[in-house]
Protein backbone atom coordinates (compact mmCIF):
# COMPACT_ATOMS: atom_id res chain seq x y z
CA MET A 1 1.34 -23.92 11.66
CA GLN A 2 -1.15 -26.70 10.73
CA HIS A 3 -1.71 -26.90 6.98
CA THR A 4 -5.10 -27.77 5.48
CA ILE A 5 -5.36 -30.37 2.70
CA LEU A 6 -8.49 -30.94 0.60
CA VAL A 7 -8.86 -34.55 -0.61
CA VAL A 8 -11.35 -35.13 -3.47
CA GLU A 9 -12.03 -38.86 -3.83
CA ASP A 10 -15.31 -40.67 -4.61
CA GLU A 11 -14.22 -44.07 -3.19
CA PRO A 12 -14.94 -43.98 0.58
CA ASN A 13 -12.22 -46.49 1.50
CA MET A 14 -9.51 -44.63 -0.44
CA LEU A 15 -10.66 -41.32 1.07
CA MET A 16 -10.45 -42.83 4.57
CA VAL A 17 -6.94 -44.22 3.97
CA ILE A 18 -5.62 -40.91 2.64
CA ARG A 19 -7.29 -38.95 5.45
CA MET A 20 -5.74 -41.18 8.13
CA ALA A 21 -2.27 -40.95 6.58
CA LEU A 22 -2.38 -37.15 6.35
CA GLU A 23 -3.91 -36.63 9.80
CA ASP A 24 -1.22 -38.87 11.29
CA ALA A 25 1.33 -36.59 9.63
CA GLY A 26 -0.23 -33.58 11.40
CA TYR A 27 -2.34 -32.08 8.63
CA ARG A 28 -5.93 -30.84 8.84
CA VAL A 29 -7.90 -32.76 6.22
CA LEU A 30 -11.10 -31.79 4.38
CA GLY A 31 -12.87 -34.50 2.37
CA ALA A 32 -15.12 -34.27 -0.68
CA ALA A 33 -16.72 -37.09 -2.69
CA SER A 34 -17.07 -34.99 -5.86
CA ALA A 35 -15.58 -31.97 -7.59
CA GLU A 36 -18.84 -30.10 -7.04
CA ALA A 37 -18.56 -30.68 -3.28
CA ALA A 38 -14.91 -29.63 -3.39
CA LEU A 39 -15.82 -26.20 -4.81
CA ALA A 40 -17.44 -25.25 -1.50
CA HIS A 41 -14.06 -25.68 0.26
CA LEU A 42 -12.03 -23.54 -2.15
CA GLY A 43 -13.07 -20.40 -0.25
CA ASP A 44 -11.27 -21.64 2.89
CA PRO A 45 -8.38 -19.15 3.27
CA ASP A 46 -6.32 -21.78 5.17
CA LEU A 47 -6.46 -24.28 2.33
CA ALA A 48 -2.90 -25.06 1.18
CA VAL A 49 -3.08 -28.10 -1.17
CA VAL A 50 -5.76 -29.94 -3.18
CA LEU A 51 -5.39 -33.70 -3.76
CA THR A 52 -7.90 -34.94 -6.36
CA ASP A 53 -8.73 -38.08 -8.26
CA LEU A 54 -9.12 -37.60 -12.01
CA LYS A 55 -12.05 -40.00 -12.41
CA LEU A 56 -14.95 -38.43 -10.53
CA PRO A 57 -18.74 -38.44 -10.94
CA GLY A 58 -20.09 -35.29 -12.55
CA MET A 59 -17.34 -32.69 -12.98
CA ARG A 60 -14.10 -34.49 -13.82
CA GLY A 61 -10.79 -33.98 -12.08
CA GLU A 62 -9.35 -32.16 -15.09
CA GLU A 63 -12.12 -29.56 -14.84
CA LEU A 64 -11.44 -29.15 -11.12
CA VAL A 65 -7.74 -28.54 -11.86
CA ALA A 66 -8.65 -25.82 -14.36
CA HIS A 67 -11.12 -24.27 -11.89
CA CYS A 68 -8.49 -24.17 -9.13
CA LYS A 69 -5.92 -22.67 -11.48
CA ARG A 70 -8.38 -19.91 -12.39
CA GLU A 71 -9.84 -19.16 -8.94
CA ARG A 72 -6.91 -19.94 -6.62
CA PRO A 73 -3.70 -19.62 -8.67
CA GLU A 74 -1.57 -19.88 -5.51
CA LEU A 75 -3.12 -23.28 -4.61
CA PRO A 76 -1.12 -26.37 -5.76
CA VAL A 77 -3.16 -29.33 -7.03
CA ILE A 78 -1.91 -32.96 -6.97
CA VAL A 79 -3.85 -35.39 -9.18
CA LEU A 80 -4.35 -39.10 -8.50
CA THR A 81 -4.56 -41.40 -11.48
CA ALA A 82 -4.59 -45.08 -12.38
CA PHE A 83 -1.56 -46.42 -14.26
CA GLY A 84 -3.40 -46.43 -17.57
CA SER A 85 -4.32 -42.73 -17.31
CA ILE A 86 -0.85 -41.26 -16.92
CA ARG A 87 -1.30 -39.36 -20.18
CA SER A 88 -4.29 -37.56 -18.65
CA ALA A 89 -2.23 -36.73 -15.57
CA ILE A 90 0.52 -35.23 -17.72
CA GLU A 91 -2.07 -33.14 -19.54
CA CYS A 92 -3.21 -31.89 -16.12
CA ILE A 93 0.37 -30.96 -15.28
CA GLN A 94 0.54 -28.95 -18.49
CA ALA A 95 -2.76 -27.29 -17.53
CA GLY A 96 -1.42 -26.20 -14.15
CA ALA A 97 -1.40 -29.14 -11.72
CA ALA A 98 1.65 -29.29 -9.44
CA ASN A 99 2.22 -33.08 -9.45
CA TYR A 100 0.56 -36.46 -9.90
CA LEU A 101 0.56 -39.80 -8.07
CA THR A 102 -0.14 -43.15 -9.69
CA LYS A 103 -2.42 -45.57 -7.82
CA PRO A 104 -1.55 -47.52 -5.81
CA PHE A 105 1.02 -45.37 -4.00
CA GLU A 106 2.97 -45.65 -0.77
CA THR A 107 2.35 -43.39 2.22
CA GLU A 108 5.89 -42.02 1.88
CA GLU A 109 5.19 -41.02 -1.73
CA LEU A 110 2.06 -39.17 -0.64
CA GLN A 111 3.85 -37.28 2.13
CA LEU A 112 6.73 -36.29 -0.16
CA ALA A 113 4.28 -34.99 -2.77
CA ILE A 114 2.40 -32.99 -0.12
CA GLU A 115 5.63 -31.51 1.29
CA SER A 116 6.74 -30.46 -2.20
CA ALA A 117 3.32 -28.89 -2.87
CA LEU A 118 3.46 -26.96 0.42
CA ARG A 119 6.83 -25.49 -0.55
CA LEU A 120 5.33 -24.49 -3.89
CA HIS A 121 2.34 -22.96 -2.08
CA GLY A 122 4.68 -20.79 -0.03
CA LEU A 123 6.53 -19.64 -3.15
CA LEU A 124 3.31 -18.83 -5.02
CA ARG A 125 1.92 -16.81 -2.10
CA GLU A 126 5.17 -14.90 -1.85
CA ASN A 127 4.99 -14.21 -5.57
CA LEU A 128 1.52 -12.73 -5.11
CA ARG A 129 2.84 -10.47 -2.37
CA LEU A 130 5.74 -9.30 -4.49
CA HIS A 131 3.40 -8.44 -7.35
CA ALA A 132 0.86 -6.70 -5.11
CA VAL A 133 0.41 -2.95 -5.46
CA VAL A 134 2.20 -1.89 -2.31
CA SER A 135 1.88 1.87 -2.57
CA ASP A 136 -0.03 4.52 -4.49
CA ALA A 137 2.10 7.35 -3.20
CA GLN A 138 5.28 8.84 -4.63
CA PRO A 139 8.36 6.62 -4.92
CA ARG A 140 10.13 6.01 -1.63
CA ARG A 141 13.50 7.66 -1.09
CA ARG A 142 16.02 8.15 1.66
CA LEU A 143 15.70 10.90 4.23
CA VAL A 144 17.84 13.85 3.13
CA GLY A 145 19.24 16.61 5.32
CA ASP A 146 21.37 17.22 8.41
CA SER A 147 19.43 20.02 10.06
CA PRO A 148 18.75 19.71 13.82
CA ALA A 149 15.12 18.79 13.03
CA MET A 150 16.25 15.92 10.76
CA LEU A 151 18.79 14.67 13.30
CA ARG A 152 16.02 14.48 15.92
CA LEU A 153 13.81 12.66 13.42
CA ARG A 154 16.52 10.06 12.74
CA GLU A 155 16.97 9.55 16.48
CA ASP A 156 13.25 8.84 16.81
CA ILE A 157 13.40 6.35 13.94
CA MET A 158 16.33 4.45 15.47
CA ARG A 159 14.59 4.44 18.86
CA VAL A 160 11.44 2.68 17.64
CA ALA A 161 12.64 0.63 14.64
CA PRO A 162 13.78 -2.51 16.55
CA TYR A 163 10.36 -3.14 18.11
CA ARG A 164 6.94 -4.31 16.93
CA SER A 165 5.04 -1.44 18.57
CA ASN A 166 2.52 0.51 16.51
CA ILE A 167 3.71 3.96 15.42
CA LEU A 168 1.74 7.10 14.56
CA ILE A 169 3.48 9.56 12.23
CA THR A 170 2.12 13.11 12.10
CA GLY A 171 2.97 16.06 9.89
CA GLU A 172 1.69 18.30 7.15
CA SER A 173 0.89 17.00 3.68
CA GLY A 174 4.01 16.46 1.58
CA THR A 175 6.55 16.27 4.44
CA GLY A 176 7.58 12.69 3.68
CA LYS A 177 5.66 10.65 6.26
CA GLU A 178 5.74 7.51 4.09
CA ALA A 179 9.52 7.82 3.67
CA VAL A 180 9.84 7.93 7.47
CA ALA A 181 7.60 4.87 7.84
CA HIS A 182 9.67 2.96 5.29
CA CYS A 183 12.88 3.86 7.11
CA ILE A 184 11.39 2.38 10.29
CA HIS A 185 10.55 -0.80 8.38
CA GLU A 186 14.00 -1.08 6.78
CA ARG A 187 15.81 -0.65 10.10
CA GLY A 188 13.65 -3.14 11.99
CA PRO A 189 13.65 -6.95 12.31
CA ARG A 190 11.00 -7.23 9.57
CA ALA A 191 13.10 -5.53 6.90
CA GLU A 192 13.23 -8.67 4.72
CA GLN A 193 9.46 -9.18 4.97
CA PRO A 194 6.75 -7.43 2.91
CA TRP A 195 6.18 -3.68 3.04
CA VAL A 196 2.61 -2.81 2.04
CA ALA A 197 1.09 0.68 1.99
CA ILE A 198 -2.49 1.84 1.54
CA ASN A 199 -3.83 5.39 1.37
CA CYS A 200 -7.09 5.54 3.35
CA SER A 201 -8.23 8.72 1.59
CA ALA A 202 -7.52 7.58 -1.97
CA ILE A 203 -9.75 4.48 -2.02
CA PRO A 204 -13.57 4.81 -2.20
CA ARG A 205 -15.25 3.94 1.09
CA ASP A 206 -17.29 1.07 -0.37
CA LEU A 207 -14.07 -0.61 -1.60
CA MET A 208 -11.86 0.05 1.41
CA GLU A 209 -12.95 -2.99 3.44
CA SER A 210 -12.26 -5.48 0.64
CA GLU A 211 -8.99 -3.71 -0.17
CA LEU A 212 -7.82 -4.00 3.42
CA PHE A 213 -9.13 -7.44 4.41
CA GLY A 214 -9.53 -9.17 1.05
CA TYR A 215 -12.56 -11.22 0.04
CA VAL A 216 -13.67 -14.70 -0.97
CA ARG A 217 -15.49 -15.75 -4.10
CA GLY A 218 -19.17 -14.79 -3.95
CA ALA A 219 -18.72 -12.18 -1.23
CA PHE A 220 -20.45 -9.61 -3.46
CA THR A 221 -21.54 -9.13 -7.05
CA GLY A 222 -18.44 -9.35 -9.22
CA ALA A 223 -16.35 -11.30 -6.69
CA THR A 224 -15.56 -14.16 -9.07
CA HIS A 225 -12.40 -15.29 -7.28
CA ASN A 226 -10.64 -15.04 -3.92
CA ARG A 227 -8.42 -12.01 -3.39
CA LEU A 228 -5.81 -11.34 -0.73
CA GLY A 229 -6.22 -8.04 1.09
CA ARG A 230 -3.39 -5.67 1.92
CA LEU A 231 -3.39 -6.99 5.50
CA GLU A 232 -2.61 -10.51 4.34
CA GLN A 233 -0.15 -9.32 1.70
CA ALA A 234 1.80 -7.69 4.55
CA SER A 235 1.89 -10.86 6.67
CA GLY A 236 5.16 -11.01 8.59
CA GLY A 237 6.05 -7.47 7.60
CA THR A 238 4.73 -3.91 7.89
CA LEU A 239 1.36 -2.41 6.93
CA PHE A 240 1.48 1.36 6.41
CA LEU A 241 -1.88 3.15 6.70
CA ASP A 242 -1.53 6.62 5.22
CA GLU A 243 -4.16 9.31 5.97
CA ILE A 244 -5.59 7.16 8.78
CA GLY A 245 -7.69 10.11 9.93
CA ASP A 246 -9.92 9.66 6.86
CA LEU A 247 -10.84 6.03 7.66
CA GLU A 248 -14.59 5.74 8.21
CA LEU A 249 -15.90 4.79 11.67
CA ALA A 250 -17.23 1.34 10.71
CA LEU A 251 -13.81 0.25 9.45
CA GLN A 252 -12.09 1.81 12.46
CA GLY A 253 -13.81 -0.80 14.62
CA LYS A 254 -12.58 -3.64 12.42
CA LEU A 255 -9.06 -2.24 12.42
CA LEU A 256 -9.21 -2.06 16.21
CA ARG A 257 -9.92 -5.80 16.30
CA VAL A 258 -6.81 -6.41 14.20
CA LEU A 259 -4.67 -4.39 16.62
CA GLN A 260 -6.19 -5.92 19.76
CA GLU A 261 -6.76 -9.55 18.79
CA ARG A 262 -4.26 -9.86 15.92
CA GLU A 263 -6.93 -11.52 13.76
CA PHE A 264 -9.40 -10.70 10.97
CA SER A 265 -11.80 -12.32 8.50
CA PRO A 266 -11.87 -11.72 4.74
CA LEU A 267 -15.06 -10.16 3.39
CA GLY A 268 -17.69 -12.86 2.87
CA SER A 269 -15.92 -15.45 5.04
CA ASP A 270 -16.34 -16.61 8.65
CA ALA A 271 -12.82 -18.03 8.72
CA VAL A 272 -10.53 -16.23 11.16
CA ARG A 273 -7.02 -15.40 9.97
CA ARG A 274 -4.05 -14.38 12.09
CA ALA A 275 -2.65 -10.91 11.45
CA ASP A 276 1.10 -10.93 11.94
CA VAL A 277 1.87 -7.36 10.91
CA ARG A 278 3.41 -4.22 12.34
CA VAL A 279 1.09 -1.28 11.79
CA ILE A 280 2.46 2.20 11.11
CA ALA A 281 -0.14 4.90 10.55
CA ALA A 282 0.26 8.48 9.33
CA THR A 283 -1.98 11.53 9.26
CA ASN A 284 -1.94 15.25 8.59
CA ARG A 285 -5.10 15.60 10.67
CA ASP A 286 -5.44 16.58 14.34
CA LEU A 287 -6.54 13.15 15.61
CA PRO A 288 -7.28 14.28 19.21
CA ALA A 289 -9.61 16.91 17.73
CA ARG A 290 -11.22 14.25 15.53
CA VAL A 291 -11.74 12.11 18.64
CA ARG A 292 -13.47 15.00 20.40
CA GLU A 293 -15.69 15.52 17.34
CA GLY A 294 -16.69 11.84 17.37
CA ALA A 295 -15.12 11.26 13.95
CA PHE A 296 -12.32 8.99 15.22
CA ARG A 297 -12.48 6.24 17.84
CA GLU A 298 -10.62 7.06 21.01
CA ASP A 299 -9.70 3.41 21.67
CA LEU A 300 -8.22 3.10 18.17
CA TYR A 301 -6.30 6.34 18.61
CA TYR A 302 -4.59 5.04 21.74
CA ARG A 303 -3.84 1.71 20.04
CA LEU A 304 -2.11 3.54 17.19
CA ASP A 305 -0.45 6.21 19.32
CA VAL A 306 1.98 3.93 21.16
CA TYR A 307 4.74 6.25 19.97
CA THR A 308 4.32 9.41 17.89
CA ILE A 309 6.88 10.74 15.42
CA HIS A 310 6.32 14.24 14.09
CA VAL A 311 7.81 15.04 10.67
CA PRO A 312 8.75 18.74 10.56
CA PRO A 313 7.59 20.96 7.67
CA LEU A 314 10.24 22.12 5.24
CA ARG A 315 10.03 25.73 6.45
CA GLU A 316 11.38 24.53 9.81
CA ARG A 317 14.46 22.98 8.21
CA ARG A 318 15.45 25.42 5.49
CA GLU A 319 19.07 24.26 5.85
CA ASP A 320 18.04 21.08 4.00
CA VAL A 321 16.41 22.75 0.99
CA ALA A 322 19.55 22.97 -1.15
CA GLU A 323 20.55 19.35 -0.50
CA LEU A 324 17.03 18.15 -1.23
CA ALA A 325 16.93 20.19 -4.44
CA HIS A 326 20.24 18.69 -5.64
CA THR A 327 18.99 15.17 -4.72
CA PHE A 328 15.82 15.64 -6.74
CA LEU A 329 17.78 17.13 -9.63
CA ALA A 330 20.08 14.07 -9.76
CA GLU A 331 17.06 11.73 -9.85
CA LEU A 332 15.09 13.67 -12.40
CA ARG A 333 17.88 14.51 -14.86
CA ALA A 334 18.70 10.80 -15.05
CA GLU A 335 15.06 10.04 -15.88
CA MET A 336 14.86 12.85 -18.46
CA ASP A 337 18.41 12.43 -19.75
CA LYS A 338 19.09 16.18 -19.50
CA PRO A 339 22.72 17.31 -18.86
CA VAL A 340 21.89 19.95 -16.24
CA GLU A 341 24.69 20.32 -13.68
CA GLY A 342 23.07 22.29 -10.87
CA PHE A 343 21.46 25.57 -9.78
CA SER A 344 22.57 29.16 -10.11
CA GLU A 345 23.16 31.13 -6.90
CA ALA A 346 20.01 33.16 -7.57
CA ALA A 347 17.97 29.96 -7.98
CA LEU A 348 19.32 28.52 -4.71
CA ALA A 349 18.53 31.81 -2.94
CA ALA A 350 14.95 31.72 -4.28
CA LEU A 351 14.54 28.11 -3.13
CA ALA A 352 15.85 28.99 0.34
CA HIS A 353 13.57 32.01 0.76
CA TYR A 354 10.31 30.41 -0.40
CA GLY A 355 7.91 29.17 2.28
CA TRP A 356 7.10 25.73 0.75
CA PRO A 357 3.48 25.27 1.89
CA GLY A 358 3.49 21.94 0.04
CA ASN A 359 6.74 20.88 1.74
CA VAL A 360 9.08 18.30 0.19
CA ARG A 361 6.54 17.20 -2.41
CA GLU A 362 6.19 20.77 -3.67
CA LEU A 363 9.98 21.18 -3.80
CA ARG A 364 10.33 18.10 -6.00
CA ASN A 365 7.55 19.39 -8.24
CA ALA A 366 9.34 22.76 -8.54
CA VAL A 367 12.65 21.10 -9.46
CA GLU A 368 10.94 18.93 -12.06
CA ARG A 369 9.24 21.94 -13.68
CA ALA A 370 12.49 23.92 -13.59
CA LEU A 371 14.35 21.07 -15.27
CA LEU A 372 11.76 21.00 -18.05
CA SER A 373 12.17 24.77 -18.54
CA CYS A 374 15.96 24.84 -18.32
CA ARG A 375 17.85 25.43 -21.59
CA GLY A 376 21.36 25.75 -20.19
CA ARG A 377 23.74 23.80 -17.96
CA GLN A 378 22.33 25.36 -14.79
CA ILE A 379 18.81 25.97 -13.53
CA ALA A 380 18.30 29.74 -13.29
CA ALA A 381 15.88 31.49 -10.96
CA SER A 382 13.66 32.25 -13.95
CA ASP A 383 13.34 28.49 -14.63
CA LEU A 384 11.63 28.00 -11.27
CA PRO A 385 7.84 28.32 -10.94
CA GLU A 386 6.81 31.95 -10.66
CA ARG A 387 5.48 31.49 -7.15
CA VAL A 388 8.99 30.48 -6.04
CA HIS A 389 11.16 33.11 -7.73
CA GLY A 390 8.47 35.80 -7.59
CA ASN A 391 8.79 36.16 -3.81
CA ASP A 392 4.99 36.11 -3.38
CA LEU A 393 3.01 35.94 -0.13
CA THR A 394 3.32 32.15 0.14
CA ALA A 395 7.01 32.62 0.83
CA GLY A 396 6.18 34.47 4.04
CA GLN A 397 8.50 37.33 3.05
CA ALA A 398 7.87 41.08 3.04
CA GLU A 399 7.04 42.56 -0.37
CA ASP A 400 5.90 45.80 -1.90
CA GLY A 401 2.24 46.83 -1.87
CA PRO A 402 -0.17 46.68 -4.80
CA GLY A 403 1.20 49.74 -6.55
CA ALA A 404 -0.28 50.68 -9.91
CA GLU A 405 -2.04 47.35 -10.45
CA GLY A 406 -4.64 48.20 -7.80
CA LEU A 407 -5.52 46.45 -4.55
CA ASP A 408 -8.19 44.12 -5.99
CA ASN A 409 -5.98 42.82 -8.79
CA TRP A 410 -3.03 42.50 -6.41
CA LEU A 411 -5.06 40.44 -3.91
CA GLU A 412 -6.63 38.30 -6.62
CA GLU A 413 -3.23 37.39 -8.08
CA ARG A 414 -1.86 36.43 -4.67
CA GLU A 415 -4.98 34.33 -3.99
CA ARG A 416 -4.57 32.59 -7.35
CA ARG A 417 -0.90 31.78 -6.65
CA GLY A 418 -1.65 30.45 -3.18
CA ILE A 419 -4.43 28.15 -4.45
CA ILE A 420 -2.34 26.89 -7.38
CA ALA A 421 0.59 26.17 -5.02
CA ALA A 422 -1.65 24.21 -2.64
CA LEU A 423 -3.27 22.22 -5.48
CA GLU A 424 0.10 21.33 -6.99
CA ALA A 425 1.45 20.33 -3.59
CA CYS A 426 -1.56 18.02 -3.10
CA ASP A 427 -1.48 16.54 -6.64
CA GLY A 428 -4.78 18.26 -7.49
CA VAL A 429 -6.76 16.67 -4.61
CA GLN A 430 -9.05 19.54 -3.64
CA ALA A 431 -10.03 18.15 -0.24
CA GLN A 432 -6.37 18.05 0.86
CA ALA A 433 -5.62 21.47 -0.67
CA ALA A 434 -8.57 22.99 1.20
CA ARG A 435 -7.29 21.61 4.52
CA GLN A 436 -3.82 22.99 3.75
CA LEU A 437 -5.27 26.43 2.99
CA GLY A 438 -7.48 26.38 6.09
CA ILE A 439 -10.77 26.75 4.17
CA THR A 440 -13.69 24.44 3.40
CA GLU A 441 -13.71 22.32 0.27
CA ARG A 442 -16.84 24.16 -0.92
CA SER A 443 -15.12 27.53 -0.45
CA LEU A 444 -12.11 26.31 -2.42
CA TRP A 445 -14.39 25.10 -5.23
CA HIS A 446 -16.01 28.52 -5.51
CA ARG A 447 -12.62 30.28 -5.57
CA ILE A 448 -11.35 27.93 -8.29
CA LYS A 449 -14.40 28.74 -10.41
CA LYS A 450 -14.11 32.48 -9.75
CA LEU A 451 -10.41 32.60 -10.65
CA ASP A 452 -10.82 30.16 -13.59
CA ILE A 453 -8.10 27.84 -12.30
CA LYS A 454 -7.61 24.61 -14.21
CA VAL A 455 -7.27 21.59 -11.88
CA GLU A 456 -5.39 18.51 -12.98
CA ARG A 457 -4.85 15.33 -11.00
CA THR A 458 -1.33 13.87 -11.03
CA VAL A 459 -1.17 10.09 -11.19
CA ARG A 460 2.01 8.68 -9.64
CA GLU A 461 3.33 5.22 -10.29
């Protein structure tokens, strides 16, 4: 890879000498005769090192160092100084410069300083990746269960993990699609590289493009500095696109370019960057139906659907419920520091019989609530949410009729429980709960108002 070096020097002869030495060493060189002229080059996403004189007309070199530190913290700056200004150079080092060279200097000194700065540039960029927000979903965890459905799922994961091919993961909300995607990443050749996740339905549409592709300073009002997008944060590793079915059509076209050409441009920049990422997408939507409706691009669908993995709902692998419940209990009691040892037989029976419309996410929520309610050494059936131990209609089991409470009250209570279960399973996101219930979002809103249901959003770290 050819690195780009910006040289800021107001003496034409010195600029020419430095340019020739660096170009002979294989670098791409940008020249600027002033700090003001150099500012125009700071938006170049390929820029790796700045080499600047301290004594410049107009804005001084010290000010340029401070500007670079503020706008491009991952960009090393080497300052050039005359022998009598070493104190100024040291002050620049303390202000954030990476190194300094005293004039006159040998070509070998220059090349060594540049090589050291490039290593620092790599470390700083990696530090940015490590500190990036890589996921707004629930914490990742291992796949639990030995049911036939889970064994088939593990076989699928091992089949596709060694390759770079794009993967589409389907399944209902709460089944653990992100956990499956992360298992693919961990078992593949990119396991030591970044894992970055983005939820396409959780980010406002007008922010999604900058979140995905990043932006350069001045790209829009408020863009006061360059920002790496999730795509660049994932360079060399895996980019997980959750809820891909909710991505708007305009961005679908730009994502298609990434998958076809393996390149993209940050928002506000004409510079083309290479996209070295493996893309894994997930959805609880019927993408072929979305294609037929014109809401999802057919060409993007086929680019994503190189291999499809379907994550089964929890009701199709009831054998795993007890093991999952004990796994969640072990995690949660450690967080809460509660000495609860396990579940009573009645509690395990209730967990096994319930239908789990919210799947694994709902099960974890139920265990967490039961742990909060528990006052003994074991979680009793009565500690579980009422919808679980009450054997209501969401469990898909036979139950008695309305009896003395009357048909209207009986139906209203079952409707209330079903809506509350769906909302809790979807962390209070009404659009997702409506899809899970098979009704429109407007219809759900009216039912929530009618039944006086309080909706709370759960924010997960």
